[in-house]
N, C-alpha and C. Protein backbone atom coordinates (compact mmCIF):
# COMPACT_ATOMS: atom_id res chain seq x y z
N MET A 1 -92.16 231.63 245.71
CA MET A 1 -91.31 230.40 245.11
C MET A 1 -90.28 230.45 244.13
N PHE A 2 -89.00 230.12 244.46
CA PHE A 2 -87.76 230.00 244.35
C PHE A 2 -88.20 229.62 242.77
N ARG A 3 -87.65 230.51 241.79
CA ARG A 3 -87.54 230.13 240.32
C ARG A 3 -86.02 229.22 239.27
N LEU A 4 -86.20 227.89 239.22
CA LEU A 4 -84.62 227.47 239.35
C LEU A 4 -84.25 227.79 237.51
N PHE A 5 -85.74 228.19 237.29
CA PHE A 5 -85.39 228.67 235.68
C PHE A 5 -85.49 229.61 235.42
N LYS A 6 -84.73 230.68 234.47
CA LYS A 6 -85.77 231.93 234.24
C LYS A 6 -85.81 231.87 232.82
N SER A 7 -86.41 232.33 232.06
CA SER A 7 -86.60 232.24 231.00
C SER A 7 -86.04 233.90 230.32
N PRO A 8 -84.80 232.94 229.10
CA PRO A 8 -83.82 233.97 228.84
C PRO A 8 -84.43 235.29 227.68
N PRO A 9 -83.39 236.18 228.13
CA PRO A 9 -84.43 237.38 227.39
C PRO A 9 -85.20 237.65 226.52
N HIS A 10 -84.45 237.14 225.66
CA HIS A 10 -85.20 237.26 224.24
C HIS A 10 -85.87 235.83 223.56
N GLY A 11 -86.41 234.60 225.03
CA GLY A 11 -87.16 233.75 225.07
C GLY A 11 -86.35 232.79 224.28
N TRP A 12 -87.10 231.30 224.62
CA TRP A 12 -86.44 229.87 224.36
C TRP A 12 -86.51 229.86 222.87
N SER A 13 -87.56 230.55 222.30
CA SER A 13 -87.29 229.79 220.89
C SER A 13 -85.83 231.34 220.18
N ALA A 14 -85.45 231.81 220.17
CA ALA A 14 -83.79 232.69 220.18
C ALA A 14 -82.70 231.36 220.60
N VAL A 15 -82.48 230.92 221.94
CA VAL A 15 -81.92 230.03 222.05
C VAL A 15 -81.54 228.80 221.21
N VAL A 16 -83.14 228.63 221.21
CA VAL A 16 -82.92 226.91 219.94
C VAL A 16 -82.88 227.83 218.41
N TRP A 17 -82.81 228.54 218.00
CA TRP A 17 -82.03 228.92 216.78
C TRP A 17 -80.59 229.20 216.69
N GLU A 18 -79.98 229.75 218.13
CA GLU A 18 -78.78 229.79 217.77
C GLU A 18 -78.09 228.71 217.92
N LEU A 19 -78.53 227.49 219.06
CA LEU A 19 -78.18 226.37 218.64
C LEU A 19 -78.13 225.59 217.64
N ALA A 20 -79.10 225.92 216.58
CA ALA A 20 -79.19 225.14 215.24
C ALA A 20 -78.30 226.12 214.26
N ILE A 21 -77.87 227.15 214.89
CA ILE A 21 -76.84 227.84 213.59
C ILE A 21 -75.65 227.38 214.02
N VAL A 22 -75.51 227.15 215.17
CA VAL A 22 -74.08 226.59 215.94
C VAL A 22 -74.27 224.97 215.31
N THR A 23 -75.08 223.99 215.32
CA THR A 23 -75.40 222.73 214.99
C THR A 23 -74.96 222.72 213.32
N VAL A 24 -75.52 223.63 212.61
CA VAL A 24 -75.59 223.74 211.30
C VAL A 24 -73.66 223.83 210.91
N GLY A 25 -73.45 224.87 211.53
CA GLY A 25 -71.99 225.28 211.41
C GLY A 25 -70.76 224.37 211.58
N VAL A 26 -71.10 223.53 212.59
CA VAL A 26 -70.49 222.47 212.83
C VAL A 26 -70.54 221.21 211.88
N LEU A 27 -71.63 220.79 211.61
CA LEU A 27 -72.09 219.63 210.67
C LEU A 27 -70.86 220.54 208.91
N ILE A 28 -71.22 221.60 208.62
CA ILE A 28 -70.49 222.16 207.77
C ILE A 28 -69.36 222.50 207.17
N ALA A 29 -69.01 222.24 209.06
CA ALA A 29 -67.40 222.37 208.88
C ALA A 29 -66.80 221.39 208.67
N LEU A 30 -67.46 219.63 209.45
CA LEU A 30 -67.42 218.53 209.65
C LEU A 30 -67.34 218.22 207.92
N GLY A 31 -68.35 218.61 207.17
CA GLY A 31 -68.37 217.98 206.03
C GLY A 31 -67.61 218.29 205.23
N ALA A 32 -66.80 219.72 205.20
CA ALA A 32 -66.12 220.44 204.52
C ALA A 32 -64.95 219.78 204.49
N GLN A 33 -64.62 218.90 205.79
CA GLN A 33 -63.09 218.06 206.31
C GLN A 33 -63.33 216.89 205.18
N GLN A 34 -64.43 216.26 205.52
CA GLN A 34 -64.42 214.90 204.86
C GLN A 34 -64.05 215.07 203.47
N LEU A 35 -64.81 216.13 202.59
CA LEU A 35 -65.08 216.23 201.49
C LEU A 35 -63.24 216.64 201.06
N VAL A 36 -62.35 217.30 201.99
CA VAL A 36 -60.96 217.52 201.76
C VAL A 36 -60.07 216.42 201.87
N ASP A 37 -60.62 215.84 203.00
CA ASP A 37 -60.24 214.41 203.38
C ASP A 37 -60.04 212.80 201.78
N SER A 38 -61.53 213.28 201.34
CA SER A 38 -61.91 212.28 200.08
C SER A 38 -60.89 212.58 199.11
N ILE A 39 -60.61 214.09 198.91
CA ILE A 39 -60.27 214.19 197.55
C ILE A 39 -59.19 214.00 197.95
N ASN A 40 -58.17 213.95 199.55
CA ASN A 40 -57.21 214.47 199.13
C ASN A 40 -56.17 212.54 198.88
N ARG A 41 -57.07 211.88 199.58
CA ARG A 41 -57.25 210.44 199.50
C ARG A 41 -57.10 209.87 198.40
N ARG A 42 -58.09 210.78 197.75
CA ARG A 42 -58.80 209.94 196.28
C ARG A 42 -56.76 210.50 195.09
N GLY A 43 -56.56 211.83 195.58
CA GLY A 43 -55.30 212.23 194.64
C GLY A 43 -54.59 211.38 195.01
N ASN A 44 -53.90 210.78 196.13
CA ASN A 44 -53.00 210.26 196.91
C ASN A 44 -53.09 208.62 196.45
N VAL A 45 -53.94 208.44 196.38
CA VAL A 45 -54.11 206.81 195.05
C VAL A 45 -54.20 206.75 193.92
N ALA A 46 -54.46 207.76 193.34
CA ALA A 46 -54.50 208.45 192.14
C ALA A 46 -52.93 208.09 191.93
N GLN A 47 -52.16 208.79 192.46
CA GLN A 47 -50.56 209.11 192.39
C GLN A 47 -50.29 207.41 192.46
N LEU A 48 -50.53 206.88 193.22
CA LEU A 48 -50.20 205.53 193.83
C LEU A 48 -49.64 204.72 193.03
N THR A 49 -51.46 204.69 192.30
CA THR A 49 -51.57 203.65 191.41
C THR A 49 -51.19 204.33 189.69
N ALA A 50 -50.76 205.59 189.75
CA ALA A 50 -50.05 205.68 188.01
C ALA A 50 -48.26 205.43 188.27
N ALA A 51 -47.98 205.27 189.57
CA ALA A 51 -46.64 204.99 189.73
C ALA A 51 -46.42 203.52 189.53
N LEU A 52 -47.33 202.74 190.07
CA LEU A 52 -47.62 200.69 189.87
C LEU A 52 -47.65 200.69 188.84
N ARG A 53 -48.58 201.74 187.89
CA ARG A 53 -49.07 201.71 186.31
C ARG A 53 -47.30 201.66 185.70
N SER A 54 -47.14 202.48 186.08
CA SER A 54 -45.95 202.88 184.89
C SER A 54 -44.53 202.44 185.30
N GLU A 55 -44.23 201.32 186.35
CA GLU A 55 -43.69 200.19 186.75
C GLU A 55 -43.68 199.14 186.21
N LEU A 56 -44.72 198.81 186.37
CA LEU A 56 -45.75 197.69 185.54
C LEU A 56 -45.66 197.92 183.80
N ALA A 57 -45.65 198.51 183.52
CA ALA A 57 -45.57 198.70 181.56
C ALA A 57 -44.08 198.48 181.56
N ASP A 58 -42.91 199.08 181.90
CA ASP A 58 -41.75 199.05 182.18
C ASP A 58 -41.91 197.49 182.50
N ASP A 59 -42.24 196.61 183.18
CA ASP A 59 -41.93 195.64 183.46
C ASP A 59 -42.18 194.21 182.23
N ARG A 60 -43.61 194.93 182.19
CA ARG A 60 -44.19 194.22 181.05
C ARG A 60 -43.41 193.93 179.38
N SER A 61 -42.71 195.18 178.73
CA SER A 61 -41.75 195.50 177.83
C SER A 61 -40.99 194.64 178.17
N ARG A 62 -40.42 194.51 179.58
CA ARG A 62 -39.36 193.38 179.56
C ARG A 62 -39.84 192.21 179.51
N TRP A 63 -40.92 191.64 179.67
CA TRP A 63 -41.37 190.47 179.19
C TRP A 63 -41.91 190.32 177.99
N GLU A 64 -41.92 191.31 177.10
CA GLU A 64 -42.48 191.53 176.04
C GLU A 64 -41.08 190.79 175.02
N HIS A 65 -40.13 191.40 175.50
CA HIS A 65 -38.76 191.31 174.85
C HIS A 65 -38.56 189.96 174.64
N MET A 66 -38.85 189.63 175.76
CA MET A 66 -37.86 188.18 176.32
C MET A 66 -38.58 186.81 175.80
N ARG A 67 -40.43 187.40 175.61
CA ARG A 67 -41.24 186.57 174.35
C ARG A 67 -40.78 186.93 172.88
N ALA A 68 -40.12 187.84 172.90
CA ALA A 68 -40.05 187.77 171.06
C ALA A 68 -38.98 187.14 171.02
N SER A 69 -38.05 187.33 171.84
CA SER A 69 -37.03 186.24 171.59
C SER A 69 -36.98 185.05 171.99
N ASP A 70 -37.82 184.61 172.22
CA ASP A 70 -37.68 182.74 172.33
C ASP A 70 -37.70 182.47 171.22
N ASP A 71 -38.54 182.59 169.65
CA ASP A 71 -37.83 181.97 168.90
C ASP A 71 -36.39 181.92 168.58
N CYS A 72 -35.56 182.94 168.45
CA CYS A 72 -34.45 183.08 168.09
C CYS A 72 -33.41 182.25 169.17
N SER A 73 -34.08 182.10 170.20
CA SER A 73 -32.77 181.40 171.27
C SER A 73 -33.07 179.97 170.86
N TRP A 74 -34.86 179.44 170.38
CA TRP A 74 -34.61 177.73 170.07
C TRP A 74 -33.53 178.37 168.89
N GLN A 75 -33.31 178.56 168.08
CA GLN A 75 -32.79 178.75 166.83
C GLN A 75 -31.37 178.75 166.90
N ARG A 76 -30.83 179.39 168.16
CA ARG A 76 -29.63 179.70 167.94
C ARG A 76 -29.07 178.25 169.12
N LEU A 77 -29.54 178.08 169.95
CA LEU A 77 -29.77 176.46 170.56
C LEU A 77 -29.45 175.27 169.43
N ALA A 78 -30.25 175.29 168.49
CA ALA A 78 -30.04 173.95 167.83
C ALA A 78 -28.91 174.16 167.07
N ALA A 79 -28.33 175.35 166.19
CA ALA A 79 -27.07 175.97 165.44
C ALA A 79 -25.82 175.49 166.95
N ILE A 80 -26.40 175.66 167.95
CA ILE A 80 -24.91 175.28 169.30
C ILE A 80 -24.60 173.77 169.05
N GLU A 81 -25.97 173.22 168.99
CA GLU A 81 -25.77 172.04 168.87
C GLU A 81 -25.20 170.86 167.75
N GLN A 82 -25.40 171.71 166.34
CA GLN A 82 -25.05 171.09 165.34
C GLN A 82 -23.74 171.55 165.53
N TRP A 83 -23.39 172.38 165.36
CA TRP A 83 -22.29 173.40 166.38
C TRP A 83 -20.77 172.06 167.03
N VAL A 84 -21.18 171.28 167.77
CA VAL A 84 -20.85 170.45 168.89
C VAL A 84 -20.62 169.44 168.11
N ARG A 85 -21.45 169.10 167.55
CA ARG A 85 -21.59 167.38 166.31
C ARG A 85 -21.12 167.62 165.54
N THR A 86 -20.11 168.97 164.97
CA THR A 86 -19.90 168.57 163.73
C THR A 86 -18.60 169.76 163.74
N ALA A 87 -17.88 170.22 164.42
CA ALA A 87 -16.87 171.14 164.77
C ALA A 87 -15.59 170.33 164.81
N PRO A 88 -14.54 171.01 164.18
CA PRO A 88 -13.09 170.13 164.62
C PRO A 88 -12.80 170.20 166.04
N ALA A 89 -11.87 169.24 166.26
CA ALA A 89 -11.88 169.10 167.73
C ALA A 89 -11.24 170.34 168.02
N GLY A 90 -10.34 171.42 167.71
CA GLY A 90 -9.58 172.13 167.95
C GLY A 90 -10.81 173.19 168.07
N ALA A 91 -11.92 172.90 167.16
CA ALA A 91 -12.42 174.73 167.56
C ALA A 91 -13.18 174.88 168.92
N THR A 92 -13.49 176.17 168.99
CA THR A 92 -14.14 176.89 170.08
C THR A 92 -14.93 178.17 169.50
N LEU A 93 -15.73 178.20 170.39
CA LEU A 93 -17.01 179.89 169.94
C LEU A 93 -16.50 180.36 171.47
N TYR A 94 -16.58 182.15 170.68
CA TYR A 94 -16.76 183.12 171.84
C TYR A 94 -18.11 183.53 172.12
N ARG A 95 -18.85 183.33 173.56
CA ARG A 95 -20.02 184.24 173.51
C ARG A 95 -20.91 183.51 172.61
N PRO A 96 -21.69 182.17 172.26
CA PRO A 96 -22.37 182.27 170.88
C PRO A 96 -23.79 182.43 171.73
N TYR A 97 -24.02 182.12 172.87
CA TYR A 97 -25.47 181.91 173.33
C TYR A 97 -25.68 183.39 174.00
N ARG A 98 -25.92 184.59 173.52
CA ARG A 98 -25.96 185.70 174.13
C ARG A 98 -27.60 185.97 174.60
N LEU A 99 -27.89 185.20 175.61
CA LEU A 99 -29.14 185.80 175.77
C LEU A 99 -28.99 186.84 176.79
N PHE A 100 -30.24 187.82 176.68
CA PHE A 100 -30.62 188.86 177.21
C PHE A 100 -31.40 188.24 177.91
N LEU A 101 -31.61 188.50 179.62
CA LEU A 101 -32.73 188.17 180.68
C LEU A 101 -32.85 189.81 181.42
N TRP A 102 -34.07 190.48 180.92
CA TRP A 102 -33.87 191.68 181.88
C TRP A 102 -34.51 191.95 183.41
N ASN A 103 -33.58 192.84 183.95
CA ASN A 103 -33.95 192.68 185.56
C ASN A 103 -35.61 193.12 185.65
N MET A 104 -36.15 192.79 186.10
CA MET A 104 -37.43 193.22 186.87
C MET A 104 -37.56 194.40 188.01
N HIS A 105 -38.48 195.60 188.14
CA HIS A 105 -38.32 196.28 189.07
C HIS A 105 -39.25 195.95 189.78
N SER A 106 -39.74 196.52 191.17
CA SER A 106 -41.15 196.43 192.06
C SER A 106 -40.45 197.02 193.10
N SER A 107 -39.62 197.77 192.68
CA SER A 107 -39.78 199.24 194.50
C SER A 107 -40.86 200.02 194.84
N THR A 108 -41.67 199.99 193.48
CA THR A 108 -42.88 200.83 194.00
C THR A 108 -44.00 200.13 194.97
N TRP A 109 -43.97 198.68 194.16
CA TRP A 109 -44.61 198.21 195.09
C TRP A 109 -44.62 198.27 196.30
N ASP A 110 -42.70 197.78 196.58
CA ASP A 110 -42.69 198.13 198.10
C ASP A 110 -42.81 199.37 199.19
N LEU A 111 -42.89 200.37 198.09
CA LEU A 111 -43.15 201.04 199.15
C LEU A 111 -44.56 201.31 199.27
N ALA A 112 -45.51 200.85 198.01
CA ALA A 112 -46.96 201.39 198.07
C ALA A 112 -47.49 200.09 199.22
N LYS A 113 -46.87 198.95 199.63
CA LYS A 113 -47.43 198.39 200.52
C LYS A 113 -47.12 198.77 201.86
N THR A 114 -46.48 200.00 202.51
CA THR A 114 -46.63 200.56 203.83
C THR A 114 -47.44 202.03 203.16
N SER A 115 -48.02 202.02 202.60
CA SER A 115 -48.73 203.41 202.28
C SER A 115 -49.91 203.13 202.40
N PRO A 116 -50.66 203.85 203.13
CA PRO A 116 -52.30 204.25 203.73
C PRO A 116 -53.12 204.37 202.25
N ALA A 117 -52.58 204.93 201.35
CA ALA A 117 -53.16 204.98 199.87
C ALA A 117 -53.61 203.51 199.66
N ALA A 118 -52.79 202.60 199.57
CA ALA A 118 -52.98 201.57 199.37
C ALA A 118 -54.33 201.08 199.76
N SER A 119 -54.87 201.01 201.00
CA SER A 119 -56.00 200.40 201.51
C SER A 119 -57.46 200.97 200.79
N ASP A 120 -57.05 202.09 200.06
CA ASP A 120 -57.76 202.65 199.20
C ASP A 120 -58.24 202.15 197.40
N ILE A 121 -57.18 201.53 197.57
CA ILE A 121 -57.41 200.88 195.85
C ILE A 121 -58.02 199.70 196.12
N PRO A 122 -59.32 199.51 195.39
CA PRO A 122 -59.97 198.41 195.31
C PRO A 122 -59.58 197.01 195.60
N LEU A 123 -60.25 196.47 196.49
CA LEU A 123 -59.76 194.98 196.80
C LEU A 123 -59.05 194.10 195.41
N LYS A 124 -60.40 194.00 194.45
CA LYS A 124 -59.70 192.97 193.44
C LYS A 124 -58.47 193.41 192.44
N GLU A 125 -58.64 194.77 192.81
CA GLU A 125 -57.28 195.63 192.08
C GLU A 125 -56.04 195.02 192.82
N ARG A 126 -56.11 195.42 194.10
CA ARG A 126 -55.32 195.36 194.59
C ARG A 126 -54.67 194.10 194.90
N LEU A 127 -55.22 192.82 194.52
CA LEU A 127 -54.78 191.70 194.95
C LEU A 127 -54.35 190.77 193.53
N LEU A 128 -54.43 191.71 192.72
CA LEU A 128 -53.66 191.50 190.89
C LEU A 128 -52.62 191.90 191.42
N TYR A 129 -52.27 193.67 191.59
CA TYR A 129 -51.16 193.92 191.46
C TYR A 129 -49.96 192.95 192.65
N ALA A 130 -50.86 192.50 193.63
CA ALA A 130 -50.41 191.75 194.74
C ALA A 130 -49.35 190.33 193.73
N SER A 131 -50.65 189.69 193.13
CA SER A 131 -49.85 188.61 192.43
C SER A 131 -48.88 188.58 191.72
N LEU A 132 -49.11 189.81 190.73
CA LEU A 132 -48.39 189.86 189.57
C LEU A 132 -46.94 190.84 189.93
N TYR A 133 -46.91 191.42 190.75
CA TYR A 133 -45.49 191.50 191.72
C TYR A 133 -44.71 190.37 192.43
N GLY A 134 -45.76 189.71 192.81
CA GLY A 134 -45.17 188.25 193.72
C GLY A 134 -44.51 187.37 192.94
N ALA A 135 -45.19 187.29 191.47
CA ALA A 135 -44.73 186.10 190.42
C ALA A 135 -43.60 187.01 189.81
N ILE A 136 -43.18 188.54 189.73
CA ILE A 136 -41.59 189.01 189.69
C ILE A 136 -40.38 188.93 190.22
N ASP A 137 -40.98 188.86 191.88
CA ASP A 137 -40.31 189.00 192.56
C ASP A 137 -39.99 186.91 192.61
N ASN A 138 -40.70 186.33 192.21
CA ASN A 138 -39.94 184.66 191.97
C ASN A 138 -39.47 184.56 191.15
N TRP A 139 -39.69 185.35 189.76
CA TRP A 139 -39.04 184.85 188.66
C TRP A 139 -37.10 185.95 188.76
N ARG A 140 -36.87 186.63 189.50
CA ARG A 140 -36.04 186.97 189.88
C ARG A 140 -34.51 185.56 190.19
N LEU A 141 -35.25 184.52 190.88
CA LEU A 141 -34.14 183.69 191.42
C LEU A 141 -34.36 182.99 190.39
N PHE A 142 -35.50 182.65 189.34
CA PHE A 142 -35.71 181.76 187.83
C PHE A 142 -34.62 182.67 186.94
N PHE A 143 -34.39 183.73 186.90
CA PHE A 143 -33.80 184.46 186.15
C PHE A 143 -32.11 184.36 186.09
N ASP A 144 -31.79 184.35 187.92
CA ASP A 144 -30.36 184.12 187.92
C ASP A 144 -29.81 182.59 187.91
N GLU A 145 -30.66 181.86 187.52
CA GLU A 145 -30.73 180.41 187.19
C GLU A 145 -29.84 179.65 185.89
N GLU A 146 -31.36 180.70 185.35
CA GLU A 146 -30.83 180.96 183.67
C GLU A 146 -30.02 181.58 183.55
N ASN A 147 -29.29 182.42 183.72
CA ASN A 147 -28.17 183.23 183.53
C ASN A 147 -27.06 182.10 183.41
N LYS A 148 -26.91 181.68 185.21
CA LYS A 148 -25.40 181.28 185.39
C LYS A 148 -25.48 180.48 184.34
N ASN A 149 -26.63 178.88 183.79
CA ASN A 149 -26.00 178.32 182.55
C ASN A 149 -26.03 178.93 181.43
N VAL A 150 -26.52 180.05 181.56
CA VAL A 150 -26.13 181.07 180.11
C VAL A 150 -24.52 181.00 180.02
N GLN A 151 -24.28 181.62 181.12
CA GLN A 151 -22.59 181.60 181.41
C GLN A 151 -21.86 180.31 181.50
N GLU A 152 -22.15 179.12 181.92
CA GLU A 152 -22.05 178.14 182.09
C GLU A 152 -21.70 177.49 180.68
N ILE A 153 -22.53 177.91 179.41
CA ILE A 153 -22.42 177.10 178.00
C ILE A 153 -21.54 177.96 177.47
N ASN A 154 -22.00 179.47 177.50
CA ASN A 154 -20.80 180.04 176.89
C ASN A 154 -19.12 180.08 177.17
N ALA A 155 -18.71 179.21 178.57
CA ALA A 155 -17.52 178.97 179.28
C ALA A 155 -17.19 177.59 178.31
N LEU A 156 -18.06 176.62 179.03
CA LEU A 156 -17.99 175.35 177.93
C LEU A 156 -17.34 175.64 175.96
N LEU A 157 -18.20 176.38 175.64
CA LEU A 157 -17.99 176.25 174.35
C LEU A 157 -16.62 177.53 173.82
N PHE A 158 -15.76 177.87 174.97
CA PHE A 158 -14.64 179.01 175.10
C PHE A 158 -13.91 177.87 174.52
N THR A 159 -13.80 177.05 175.79
CA THR A 159 -12.63 176.16 176.23
C THR A 159 -13.52 174.67 174.99
N ALA A 160 -14.23 174.89 174.18
CA ALA A 160 -14.60 173.43 173.64
C ALA A 160 -13.38 172.51 172.59
N ASP A 161 -12.27 172.88 172.96
CA ASP A 161 -11.05 172.38 172.16
C ASP A 161 -10.95 171.15 173.21
N GLN A 162 -11.41 171.36 174.60
CA GLN A 162 -10.96 170.44 175.33
C GLN A 162 -12.26 169.33 175.44
N PRO A 163 -12.02 168.24 175.18
CA PRO A 163 -13.22 167.04 175.11
C PRO A 163 -14.29 167.22 176.34
N GLU A 164 -13.34 167.25 177.71
CA GLU A 164 -13.82 166.97 179.18
C GLU A 164 -14.97 168.04 178.63
N ASN A 165 -14.88 169.64 178.34
CA ASN A 165 -15.95 170.39 178.21
C ASN A 165 -16.77 170.60 176.97
N ARG A 166 -16.20 169.84 175.72
CA ARG A 166 -17.78 170.19 175.17
C ARG A 166 -18.20 168.72 175.52
N SER A 167 -18.11 167.82 175.88
CA SER A 167 -19.12 166.99 176.16
C SER A 167 -20.40 167.23 177.23
N GLN A 168 -19.79 168.57 178.04
CA GLN A 168 -20.92 168.68 178.87
C GLN A 168 -22.07 169.79 178.29
N VAL A 169 -21.31 170.18 176.63
CA VAL A 169 -22.38 171.57 176.31
C VAL A 169 -23.98 170.98 176.28
N PRO A 170 -24.27 169.74 175.72
CA PRO A 170 -25.47 169.23 175.45
C PRO A 170 -26.16 168.92 176.75
N TYR A 171 -25.67 168.83 177.67
CA TYR A 171 -26.54 168.95 179.01
C TYR A 171 -26.78 170.02 179.35
N ARG A 172 -25.84 171.10 178.81
CA ARG A 172 -26.21 172.32 179.05
C ARG A 172 -27.28 173.28 178.32
N LEU A 173 -26.94 172.50 177.20
CA LEU A 173 -28.32 173.11 176.31
C LEU A 173 -29.57 172.79 176.51
N SER A 174 -30.01 171.37 177.10
CA SER A 174 -30.83 170.90 177.66
C SER A 174 -31.44 171.80 178.70
N LYS A 175 -30.59 171.97 179.48
CA LYS A 175 -31.50 173.02 180.71
C LYS A 175 -31.24 174.18 180.18
N ALA A 176 -30.98 174.84 179.02
CA ALA A 176 -31.59 175.62 178.67
C ALA A 176 -32.49 176.01 177.64
N ARG A 177 -32.89 174.47 177.33
CA ARG A 177 -34.44 174.64 176.52
C ARG A 177 -35.21 174.67 177.60
N ALA A 178 -35.31 173.96 178.83
CA ALA A 178 -36.06 173.55 179.47
C ALA A 178 -36.49 175.05 180.54
N TYR A 179 -35.29 175.88 180.77
CA TYR A 179 -35.19 177.08 181.34
C TYR A 179 -36.55 177.85 180.24
N ILE A 180 -36.17 177.76 178.98
CA ILE A 180 -37.30 178.98 177.94
C ILE A 180 -38.75 178.04 177.95
N ASN A 181 -38.58 176.72 178.26
CA ASN A 181 -40.24 176.51 178.42
C ASN A 181 -40.81 177.24 179.92
N ARG A 182 -40.05 176.68 180.55
CA ARG A 182 -40.64 177.26 182.05
C ARG A 182 -41.16 178.78 182.20
N ARG A 183 -40.69 179.62 181.53
CA ARG A 183 -40.57 180.80 180.75
C ARG A 183 -41.94 180.54 179.95
N LYS A 184 -42.26 180.13 179.35
CA LYS A 184 -43.25 179.93 177.74
C LYS A 184 -44.71 179.77 178.62
N PHE A 185 -44.25 178.74 179.43
CA PHE A 185 -45.24 177.83 180.66
C PHE A 185 -46.12 178.77 181.69
N ASN A 186 -45.33 179.69 181.78
CA ASN A 186 -46.02 181.52 182.86
C ASN A 186 -46.00 182.22 182.11
N TYR A 187 -46.05 182.42 180.93
CA TYR A 187 -46.19 183.50 180.43
C TYR A 187 -47.69 184.13 180.38
N SER A 188 -48.63 182.89 180.35
CA SER A 188 -50.54 183.29 180.45
C SER A 188 -50.61 184.04 181.70
N TYR A 189 -50.16 183.44 182.73
CA TYR A 189 -50.11 183.75 183.99
C TYR A 189 -49.64 185.26 184.35
N LEU A 190 -48.65 185.70 183.98
CA LEU A 190 -48.60 187.02 184.14
C LEU A 190 -48.66 188.04 182.65
N PHE A 191 -49.01 187.66 181.76
CA PHE A 191 -49.90 188.64 180.58
C PHE A 191 -51.15 188.52 180.93
N THR A 192 -52.05 187.88 181.33
CA THR A 192 -53.03 187.49 181.66
C THR A 192 -53.91 188.50 182.99
N ARG A 193 -52.80 188.66 183.76
CA ARG A 193 -52.70 189.97 185.35
C ARG A 193 -52.86 191.38 184.27
N PHE A 194 -51.30 191.44 183.49
CA PHE A 194 -51.08 192.53 183.07
C PHE A 194 -52.46 193.29 182.18
N ASP A 195 -52.68 192.10 181.48
CA ASP A 195 -54.17 192.57 180.85
C ASP A 195 -55.58 193.03 181.42
N GLU A 196 -55.70 191.95 182.90
CA GLU A 196 -56.78 192.54 183.37
C GLU A 196 -56.95 193.93 184.27
N LEU A 197 -55.14 194.51 184.52
CA LEU A 197 -54.86 196.12 185.23
C LEU A 197 -55.14 196.51 183.89
N GLY A 198 -55.06 196.10 182.64
CA GLY A 198 -54.96 197.32 181.59
C GLY A 198 -53.51 198.02 181.30
N ILE A 199 -52.48 197.48 181.78
CA ILE A 199 -51.29 197.49 181.31
C ILE A 199 -50.96 197.17 179.91
N LYS A 200 -50.41 198.52 179.11
CA LYS A 200 -49.37 198.31 178.24
C LYS A 200 -47.79 198.22 178.34
N PRO A 201 -47.27 197.76 177.45
CA PRO A 201 -46.15 198.24 177.71
C PRO A 201 -45.04 199.15 177.14
N ASP A 202 -43.90 199.62 177.89
CA ASP A 202 -43.99 201.01 177.73
C ASP A 202 -42.32 200.72 177.62
N ASP A 203 -41.65 200.78 176.27
CA ASP A 203 -40.28 201.08 175.87
C ASP A 203 -39.49 201.90 176.37
N SER A 204 -40.36 203.48 176.75
CA SER A 204 -39.41 204.68 176.96
C SER A 204 -38.63 204.75 178.32
N GLN A 205 -38.72 203.55 179.28
CA GLN A 205 -38.01 203.95 180.59
C GLN A 205 -36.67 202.57 180.17
N LEU A 206 -36.39 202.38 178.94
CA LEU A 206 -35.74 201.36 178.34
C LEU A 206 -34.48 201.75 178.65
N THR A 207 -33.57 201.61 179.05
CA THR A 207 -31.80 202.32 179.04
C THR A 207 -31.20 201.25 177.85
N VAL A 208 -31.57 200.51 177.56
CA VAL A 208 -30.78 199.50 176.77
C VAL A 208 -31.63 199.49 174.98
N LYS A 209 -31.55 199.20 174.35
CA LYS A 209 -31.86 199.13 173.10
C LYS A 209 -32.22 197.18 172.95
N ALA A 210 -33.18 197.33 172.58
CA ALA A 210 -33.72 195.63 172.46
C ALA A 210 -33.58 195.14 171.57
N ASP A 211 -32.48 193.89 171.13
CA ASP A 211 -32.58 193.37 169.68
C ASP A 211 -33.29 191.92 169.84
N ASP A 212 -34.78 191.52 169.78
CA ASP A 212 -34.94 190.71 169.75
C ASP A 212 -34.64 189.33 169.06
N ARG A 213 -33.97 189.60 167.60
CA ARG A 213 -33.49 188.66 166.89
C ARG A 213 -32.29 188.39 166.45
N ALA A 214 -31.62 189.34 167.35
CA ALA A 214 -30.38 189.11 167.65
C ALA A 214 -29.47 187.56 168.05
N LEU A 215 -30.70 186.85 167.95
CA LEU A 215 -29.84 185.36 168.34
C LEU A 215 -30.30 184.39 166.74
N CYS A 216 -30.99 185.25 166.04
CA CYS A 216 -31.14 184.58 164.82
C CYS A 216 -30.38 185.01 164.17
N ALA A 217 -29.25 185.61 163.85
CA ALA A 217 -28.05 185.69 163.46
C ALA A 217 -27.08 184.13 163.37
N PRO A 218 -26.76 183.99 162.05
CA PRO A 218 -26.27 182.63 161.48
C PRO A 218 -24.95 182.55 162.59
N LEU A 219 -24.73 181.13 162.98
CA LEU A 219 -23.38 181.14 164.39
C LEU A 219 -22.50 181.53 164.18
N GLU A 220 -21.77 181.47 162.81
CA GLU A 220 -20.37 182.34 162.15
C GLU A 220 -21.02 183.97 162.33
N SER A 221 -21.86 184.37 162.98
CA SER A 221 -21.52 186.20 162.28
C SER A 221 -22.12 186.44 163.78
N ALA A 222 -21.56 185.71 165.06
CA ALA A 222 -22.21 185.96 166.12
C ALA A 222 -21.14 187.41 166.77
N PRO A 223 -21.73 188.41 167.44
CA PRO A 223 -20.42 189.06 167.86
C PRO A 223 -19.42 188.18 168.26
N ARG A 224 -18.76 188.94 168.29
CA ARG A 224 -17.25 188.56 168.93
C ARG A 224 -16.49 189.46 169.51
């Protein structure tokens, strides 16, 4: 009778053994590749989060300096208001309200949003990054509004010898106070998220020396 199958020269047990060796080898290779991929992913995530934390530490430092200057900003606005009421008709001031509003950085987050490594960051942490950077983006517009009002105040005071200009200063001062209150109202939202992410302020990246008490100086001694 014709035999469809012939017994292997060394028997079926040898074939099974060889197949087992090959299978184990494939599994080891796959496991090793997965381990390498896992290590690479963890490394990419670590680099990405380190870059995000560095950028946010710089941003927090800028926010801390603005918050620290608020009391002096209130004091300077009160001094300007008093000056408007009491200064001689021909008197003027040169840039008495030099409020410093820092630029905010978010370029690392812009890159992170397109990085495959971002999906490996835990969801809760990723959502905190997104909400914090979203707020920072929104504040760029608010800072632009506030800066324009600061420029308007200084321009009006520089031409305060013209009654029509001096008369506009109180309105601009009221807007300046509203802008400070807007920032103060949002501090809790921002700093709570900085704290939840464990982000501490880092001044080392600042290229300008911050003087949080500059506006506390008497109005007459403002830099000219």
